[in-house]
Amino acid sequence: MVTSNVIKKLGQTDVIVYYSKIASSACVKRFLTGKEIATKIWLSRGIPYFIKRGSKEPPLSIEELASAVDSDFLEARKSRMGLSTVRNKLNKTQQKIWDYFPPRKLMDLFYATNNEGRGKPLERIYFDIDRSGQGPDRAQKVAAELADLIRADSDFRKKVGNFDLFPMWTGSSFHIYLMLNKKIPNSVYDREIHFSKNRPTESFTGRWADEINKKLKVKVIGGHQKSPGCINIDPSQSPSGKLARAPFSLHMKDAKTVDGVAIPLKIEMLGDKNLTSELKKYTPDRVLKELNSLAGRLP
């Protein structure tokens, strides 16, 4: 369990101070510019969570989140009153932020990976290393091997062009991001990257998973469908209309427990045997203290 003063700063559980400070980072704004923000809002009763996103709500940008959370907004949050009561004290952007970030709730921060809507070109690809109950150290080894295979694969570069690769700790496991130098059609993703269990080695994802599976003493499979004892290499949240975890998002165990924070990494850090134990020590308060240096790792 991760404890945090900033999440209790308004006298109650409230993530808005933390996320508005994250949004104010120039590096975070650069990374998320033009991307619709989404929140995964955790509930203590009934369904475990629900998601607010730009495909169903008025879209919210990182720039709006950074600029609109002012002292008047925070005073209204302290009042413990609902949005319907304080709405006349807020401008339209602040009302929208309140709706995306309701008080007294924990939530993850996401964004539309390649924007909302289906079939749009891709400007970034990411692979989720879903460890499915395996230890984070094993997921780290898979992430390191995947990064090496991707960088060495000249055939892959012929399909997608040049890219910058960087890893991210999700708060529980790892992502491998490819920031493409030029956009590629969604058809390239469907044909070359999307994993099909019926044709597992026809995609780069499946072939890389197969190579890692042979090299490591870890069972690795491609795609989203989980299998007991396996680590998945899953690119399925890359296409437009899908969501990715934002840098510095809180990672929730349940509606009352933050159990990690998403941290951008440098590629060489994946070789550090103490990496996961150090990453688990990050709290939201520590992230804010080190935000400039941590955010500087973003491409």
Protein backbone atom coordinates (compact mmCIF):
# COMPACT_ATOMS: atom_id res chain seq x y z
CA MET A 1 0.00 0.00 0.00
CA VAL A 2 1.29 3.48 -0.95
CA THR A 3 0.61 6.33 1.48
CA SER A 4 0.36 9.92 0.30
CA ASN A 5 -0.06 13.35 1.86
CA VAL A 6 -0.93 15.07 -1.42
CA ILE A 7 -3.98 12.84 -1.92
CA LYS A 8 -5.29 13.99 1.49
CA LYS A 9 -4.27 17.62 1.01
CA LEU A 10 -7.87 18.87 0.77
CA GLY A 11 -8.89 17.13 3.99
CA GLN A 12 -10.37 14.13 2.19
CA THR A 13 -9.34 11.64 -0.45
CA ASP A 14 -8.90 13.71 -3.62
CA VAL A 15 -6.47 13.10 -6.48
CA ILE A 16 -7.04 16.45 -8.22
CA VAL A 17 -4.09 18.28 -6.63
CA TYR A 18 -1.71 15.49 -7.60
CA TYR A 19 -2.93 15.14 -11.18
CA SER A 20 -3.09 18.88 -11.82
CA LYS A 21 0.56 19.19 -10.73
CA ILE A 22 1.51 16.28 -12.99
CA ALA A 23 -0.35 17.95 -15.86
CA SER A 24 1.63 21.17 -15.31
CA SER A 25 4.91 19.47 -16.24
CA ALA A 26 6.08 20.70 -19.64
CA CYS A 27 7.32 17.20 -20.50
CA VAL A 28 4.02 15.57 -19.60
CA LYS A 29 2.11 18.18 -21.61
CA ARG A 30 4.35 17.54 -24.60
CA PHE A 31 3.80 13.78 -24.33
CA LEU A 32 0.00 14.11 -24.05
CA THR A 33 -0.68 17.11 -26.29
CA GLY A 34 -3.56 16.37 -28.65
CA LYS A 35 -4.59 13.24 -26.73
CA GLU A 36 -7.97 12.98 -25.03
CA ILE A 37 -7.66 12.34 -21.30
CA ALA A 38 -9.55 9.53 -19.55
CA THR A 39 -10.03 8.57 -15.91
CA LYS A 40 -10.73 5.16 -14.38
CA ILE A 41 -12.77 5.97 -11.29
CA TRP A 42 -12.82 3.31 -8.57
CA LEU A 43 -15.97 2.54 -6.57
CA SER A 44 -16.25 0.82 -3.20
CA ARG A 45 -19.66 -0.70 -3.96
CA GLY A 46 -21.31 -2.33 -6.96
CA ILE A 47 -19.20 -2.28 -10.11
CA PRO A 48 -15.48 -1.88 -9.28
CA TYR A 49 -14.94 1.17 -11.50
CA PHE A 50 -16.20 3.19 -14.44
CA ILE A 51 -14.34 5.20 -17.08
CA LYS A 52 -14.77 8.80 -18.22
CA ARG A 53 -13.35 9.43 -21.68
CA GLY A 54 -13.56 11.74 -24.64
CA SER A 55 -15.55 9.34 -26.82
CA LYS A 56 -18.51 9.55 -24.43
CA GLU A 57 -17.97 12.86 -22.64
CA PRO A 58 -16.83 16.33 -23.75
CA PRO A 59 -13.10 15.76 -24.43
CA LEU A 60 -10.62 16.90 -21.77
CA SER A 61 -7.04 17.91 -22.64
CA ILE A 62 -3.92 17.88 -20.51
CA GLU A 63 -3.58 21.64 -21.04
CA GLU A 64 -7.04 22.21 -19.57
CA LEU A 65 -6.23 20.08 -16.55
CA ALA A 66 -3.00 22.00 -15.99
CA SER A 67 -4.50 25.49 -16.22
CA ALA A 68 -8.01 25.31 -14.78
CA VAL A 69 -7.34 23.87 -11.30
CA ASP A 70 -6.89 27.16 -9.43
CA SER A 71 -7.40 28.25 -5.81
CA ASP A 72 -11.13 28.89 -6.29
CA PHE A 73 -11.60 25.41 -7.73
CA LEU A 74 -9.74 23.85 -4.79
CA GLU A 75 -11.77 25.83 -2.27
CA ALA A 76 -14.94 24.49 -3.87
CA ARG A 77 -13.54 20.95 -3.51
CA LYS A 78 -12.88 21.49 0.20
CA SER A 79 -16.53 22.37 0.75
CA ARG A 80 -17.49 18.70 0.33
CA MET A 81 -20.47 19.82 -1.72
CA GLY A 82 -21.48 18.19 -4.99
CA LEU A 83 -20.97 19.65 -8.45
CA SER A 84 -24.64 20.58 -8.73
CA THR A 85 -24.23 22.87 -5.70
CA VAL A 86 -20.98 24.60 -6.74
CA ARG A 87 -21.50 24.60 -10.51
CA ASN A 88 -22.26 28.36 -10.64
CA LYS A 89 -18.85 29.08 -9.08
CA LEU A 90 -16.97 27.20 -11.80
CA ASN A 91 -16.31 27.89 -15.45
CA LYS A 92 -17.15 25.30 -18.11
CA THR A 93 -13.68 23.77 -18.12
CA GLN A 94 -13.64 23.45 -14.34
CA GLN A 95 -17.06 21.79 -14.41
CA LYS A 96 -15.74 19.31 -16.93
CA ILE A 97 -12.66 18.57 -14.80
CA TRP A 98 -14.85 18.04 -11.74
CA ASP A 99 -16.90 15.55 -13.74
CA TYR A 100 -13.78 13.62 -14.84
CA PHE A 101 -12.22 13.81 -11.36
CA PRO A 102 -15.01 13.47 -8.80
CA PRO A 103 -13.89 14.11 -5.20
CA ARG A 104 -13.48 11.35 -2.62
CA LYS A 105 -12.52 8.79 -5.27
CA LEU A 106 -9.23 7.21 -6.27
CA MET A 107 -8.57 7.00 -10.00
CA ASP A 108 -6.05 6.05 -12.66
CA LEU A 109 -5.16 8.53 -15.40
CA PHE A 110 -5.33 7.28 -18.99
CA TYR A 111 -5.36 8.84 -22.46
CA ALA A 112 -6.46 7.83 -25.95
CA THR A 113 -3.27 6.24 -27.30
CA ASN A 114 -3.76 7.34 -30.89
CA ASN A 115 -6.85 9.48 -30.27
CA GLU A 116 -10.50 8.54 -30.05
CA GLY A 117 -12.33 6.92 -32.96
CA ARG A 118 -11.46 3.79 -34.90
CA GLY A 119 -9.12 3.21 -37.80
CA LYS A 120 -6.97 6.35 -37.50
CA PRO A 121 -3.22 6.34 -38.29
CA LEU A 122 -0.84 5.38 -35.49
CA GLU A 123 1.89 7.69 -34.26
CA ARG A 124 2.83 5.52 -31.28
CA ILE A 125 2.70 1.82 -30.46
CA TYR A 126 2.99 0.27 -27.07
CA PHE A 127 3.33 -3.24 -25.76
CA ASP A 128 1.87 -4.07 -22.37
CA ILE A 129 3.90 -6.67 -20.48
CA ASP A 130 0.99 -8.23 -18.58
CA ARG A 131 2.57 -10.42 -15.92
CA SER A 132 -0.65 -12.23 -14.89
CA GLY A 133 0.47 -13.14 -11.39
CA GLN A 134 4.15 -13.61 -12.29
CA GLY A 135 6.72 -11.56 -10.38
CA PRO A 136 7.63 -8.06 -11.59
CA ASP A 137 11.28 -9.09 -11.92
CA ARG A 138 10.25 -11.63 -14.54
CA ALA A 139 8.22 -8.99 -16.35
CA GLN A 140 11.32 -6.77 -16.32
CA LYS A 141 13.37 -9.49 -18.02
CA VAL A 142 10.69 -9.91 -20.69
CA ALA A 143 10.55 -6.13 -21.22
CA ALA A 144 14.35 -5.95 -21.60
CA GLU A 145 14.41 -8.81 -24.10
CA LEU A 146 11.51 -7.34 -26.07
CA ALA A 147 13.22 -3.95 -26.27
CA ASP A 148 16.39 -5.60 -27.60
CA LEU A 149 14.50 -7.63 -30.19
CA ILE A 150 12.52 -4.64 -31.44
CA ARG A 151 15.61 -2.45 -31.80
CA ALA A 152 17.51 -5.19 -33.66
CA ASP A 153 14.69 -6.13 -36.05
CA SER A 154 15.47 -4.45 -39.38
CA ASP A 155 12.41 -6.01 -41.03
CA PHE A 156 10.20 -4.34 -38.45
CA ARG A 157 11.78 -0.95 -39.15
CA LYS A 158 11.04 -1.43 -42.84
CA LYS A 159 7.36 -1.76 -41.97
CA VAL A 160 6.96 1.07 -39.44
CA GLY A 161 9.94 3.37 -40.09
CA ASN A 162 12.25 4.78 -37.44
CA PHE A 163 11.12 5.27 -33.87
CA ASP A 164 12.26 6.21 -30.38
CA LEU A 165 11.84 3.41 -27.85
CA PHE A 166 11.32 3.96 -24.17
CA PRO A 167 10.01 1.80 -21.31
CA MET A 168 7.60 2.74 -18.55
CA TRP A 169 6.82 1.15 -15.20
CA THR A 170 3.03 1.00 -14.84
CA GLY A 171 3.03 0.78 -11.05
CA SER A 172 2.85 -3.00 -11.36
CA SER A 173 4.56 -4.08 -14.59
CA PHE A 174 6.05 -2.56 -17.76
CA HIS A 175 5.16 -0.96 -21.09
CA ILE A 176 7.48 -0.73 -24.08
CA TYR A 177 6.65 2.38 -26.13
CA LEU A 178 7.59 3.09 -29.72
CA MET A 179 7.23 6.75 -30.67
CA LEU A 180 7.11 6.61 -34.46
CA ASN A 181 8.92 9.21 -36.54
CA LYS A 182 6.01 9.18 -38.99
CA LYS A 183 2.43 7.99 -38.79
CA ILE A 184 1.56 4.56 -40.15
CA PRO A 185 -1.85 3.39 -41.41
CA ASN A 186 -3.91 1.28 -39.04
CA SER A 187 -3.70 -1.46 -41.68
CA VAL A 188 0.02 -1.88 -40.89
CA TYR A 189 -0.87 -2.55 -37.26
CA ASP A 190 -3.57 -5.05 -38.27
CA ARG A 191 -1.29 -6.86 -40.67
CA GLU A 192 2.08 -6.79 -38.90
CA ILE A 193 1.61 -6.18 -35.15
CA HIS A 194 -1.83 -7.40 -34.09
CA PHE A 195 -1.54 -10.86 -32.49
CA SER A 196 -3.80 -13.69 -33.59
CA LYS A 197 -3.79 -16.90 -31.55
CA ASN A 198 -4.79 -18.78 -34.72
CA ARG A 199 -1.74 -17.44 -36.60
CA PRO A 200 0.68 -16.65 -33.75
CA THR A 201 3.91 -16.30 -35.73
CA GLU A 202 2.48 -14.23 -38.58
CA SER A 203 2.91 -11.03 -36.55
CA PHE A 204 6.06 -9.44 -35.18
CA THR A 205 4.45 -9.63 -31.74
CA GLY A 206 4.03 -13.39 -31.97
CA ARG A 207 7.51 -13.98 -33.34
CA TRP A 208 9.13 -11.86 -30.64
CA ALA A 209 7.11 -13.64 -27.95
CA ASP A 210 8.23 -16.98 -29.38
CA GLU A 211 11.90 -15.92 -29.32
CA ILE A 212 11.68 -14.69 -25.73
CA ASN A 213 9.85 -17.84 -24.70
CA LYS A 214 12.72 -19.94 -26.01
CA LYS A 215 15.44 -17.80 -24.40
CA LEU A 216 14.04 -17.13 -20.94
CA LYS A 217 12.83 -19.53 -18.28
CA VAL A 218 9.51 -17.72 -18.43
CA LYS A 219 6.42 -18.73 -20.40
CA VAL A 220 5.67 -15.82 -22.76
CA ILE A 221 2.74 -15.52 -25.14
CA GLY A 222 1.47 -12.80 -27.45
CA GLY A 223 -1.84 -11.01 -27.32
CA HIS A 224 -4.42 -10.04 -24.74
CA GLN A 225 -5.87 -13.41 -23.76
CA LYS A 226 -4.33 -14.55 -20.49
CA SER A 227 -3.12 -18.06 -19.72
CA PRO A 228 -2.16 -19.32 -16.24
CA GLY A 229 1.55 -18.97 -15.51
CA CYS A 230 2.22 -16.88 -18.63
CA ILE A 231 3.38 -13.33 -19.29
CA ASN A 232 1.63 -11.61 -22.18
CA ILE A 233 3.15 -9.24 -24.71
CA ASP A 234 0.03 -7.32 -25.66
CA PRO A 235 -0.08 -4.51 -28.26
CA SER A 236 -3.88 -4.37 -28.40
CA GLN A 237 -4.28 -0.96 -26.74
CA SER A 238 -2.26 0.77 -29.47
CA PRO A 239 -4.94 1.45 -32.13
CA SER A 240 -7.07 4.57 -32.07
CA GLY A 241 -10.05 4.27 -29.77
CA LYS A 242 -7.96 2.40 -27.17
CA LEU A 243 -6.55 3.76 -23.90
CA ALA A 244 -3.02 3.81 -22.46
CA ARG A 245 -1.93 4.53 -18.90
CA ALA A 246 -0.54 8.06 -18.63
CA PRO A 247 2.90 8.74 -17.15
CA PHE A 248 2.68 9.21 -13.36
CA SER A 249 -0.80 7.71 -13.19
CA LEU A 250 -1.65 6.18 -9.85
CA HIS A 251 -2.06 2.43 -9.95
CA MET A 252 -4.92 1.09 -7.84
CA LYS A 253 -5.26 -2.23 -6.08
CA ASP A 254 -8.87 -1.40 -5.21
CA ALA A 255 -11.12 1.58 -4.42
CA LYS A 256 -9.20 2.41 -1.24
CA THR A 257 -5.62 1.40 -2.05
CA VAL A 258 -2.94 2.96 -4.23
CA ASP A 259 -0.29 0.28 -4.77
CA GLY A 260 2.04 2.02 -7.25
CA VAL A 261 2.78 4.94 -9.56
CA ALA A 262 3.61 4.84 -13.28
CA ILE A 263 7.21 5.97 -13.83
CA PRO A 264 8.97 6.66 -17.18
CA LEU A 265 12.29 4.84 -17.46
CA LYS A 266 15.44 4.85 -19.55
CA ILE A 267 16.15 1.77 -21.62
CA GLU A 268 19.37 0.94 -19.77
CA MET A 269 17.46 0.81 -16.47
CA LEU A 270 15.85 -2.47 -17.54
CA GLY A 271 19.18 -4.17 -16.82
CA ASP A 272 19.20 -3.07 -13.15
CA LYS A 273 18.50 -6.07 -10.91
CA ASN A 274 17.19 -3.76 -8.17
CA LEU A 275 14.87 -1.82 -10.46
CA THR A 276 11.47 -3.16 -9.40
CA SER A 277 12.22 -2.93 -5.69
CA GLU A 278 13.23 0.73 -6.14
CA LEU A 279 10.19 1.55 -8.30
CA LYS A 280 7.86 0.14 -5.66
CA LYS A 281 9.14 2.77 -3.22
CA TYR A 282 7.68 5.65 -5.22
CA THR A 283 4.76 7.50 -3.66
CA PRO A 284 2.77 10.36 -5.21
CA ASP A 285 4.57 12.77 -2.87
CA ARG A 286 8.00 11.54 -3.95
CA VAL A 287 6.99 11.73 -7.61
CA LEU A 288 6.10 15.41 -7.22
CA LYS A 289 9.44 16.12 -5.53
CA GLU A 290 11.34 14.45 -8.38
CA LEU A 291 8.93 15.36 -11.19
CA ASN A 292 11.32 17.46 -13.25
CA SER A 293 13.96 14.75 -13.47
CA LEU A 294 11.50 11.88 -13.90
CA ALA A 295 9.45 13.66 -16.59
CA GLY A 296 12.69 14.48 -18.42
CA ARG A 297 12.83 10.80 -19.41
CA LEU A 298 9.74 11.21 -21.60
CA PRO A 299 10.46 11.46 -25.34
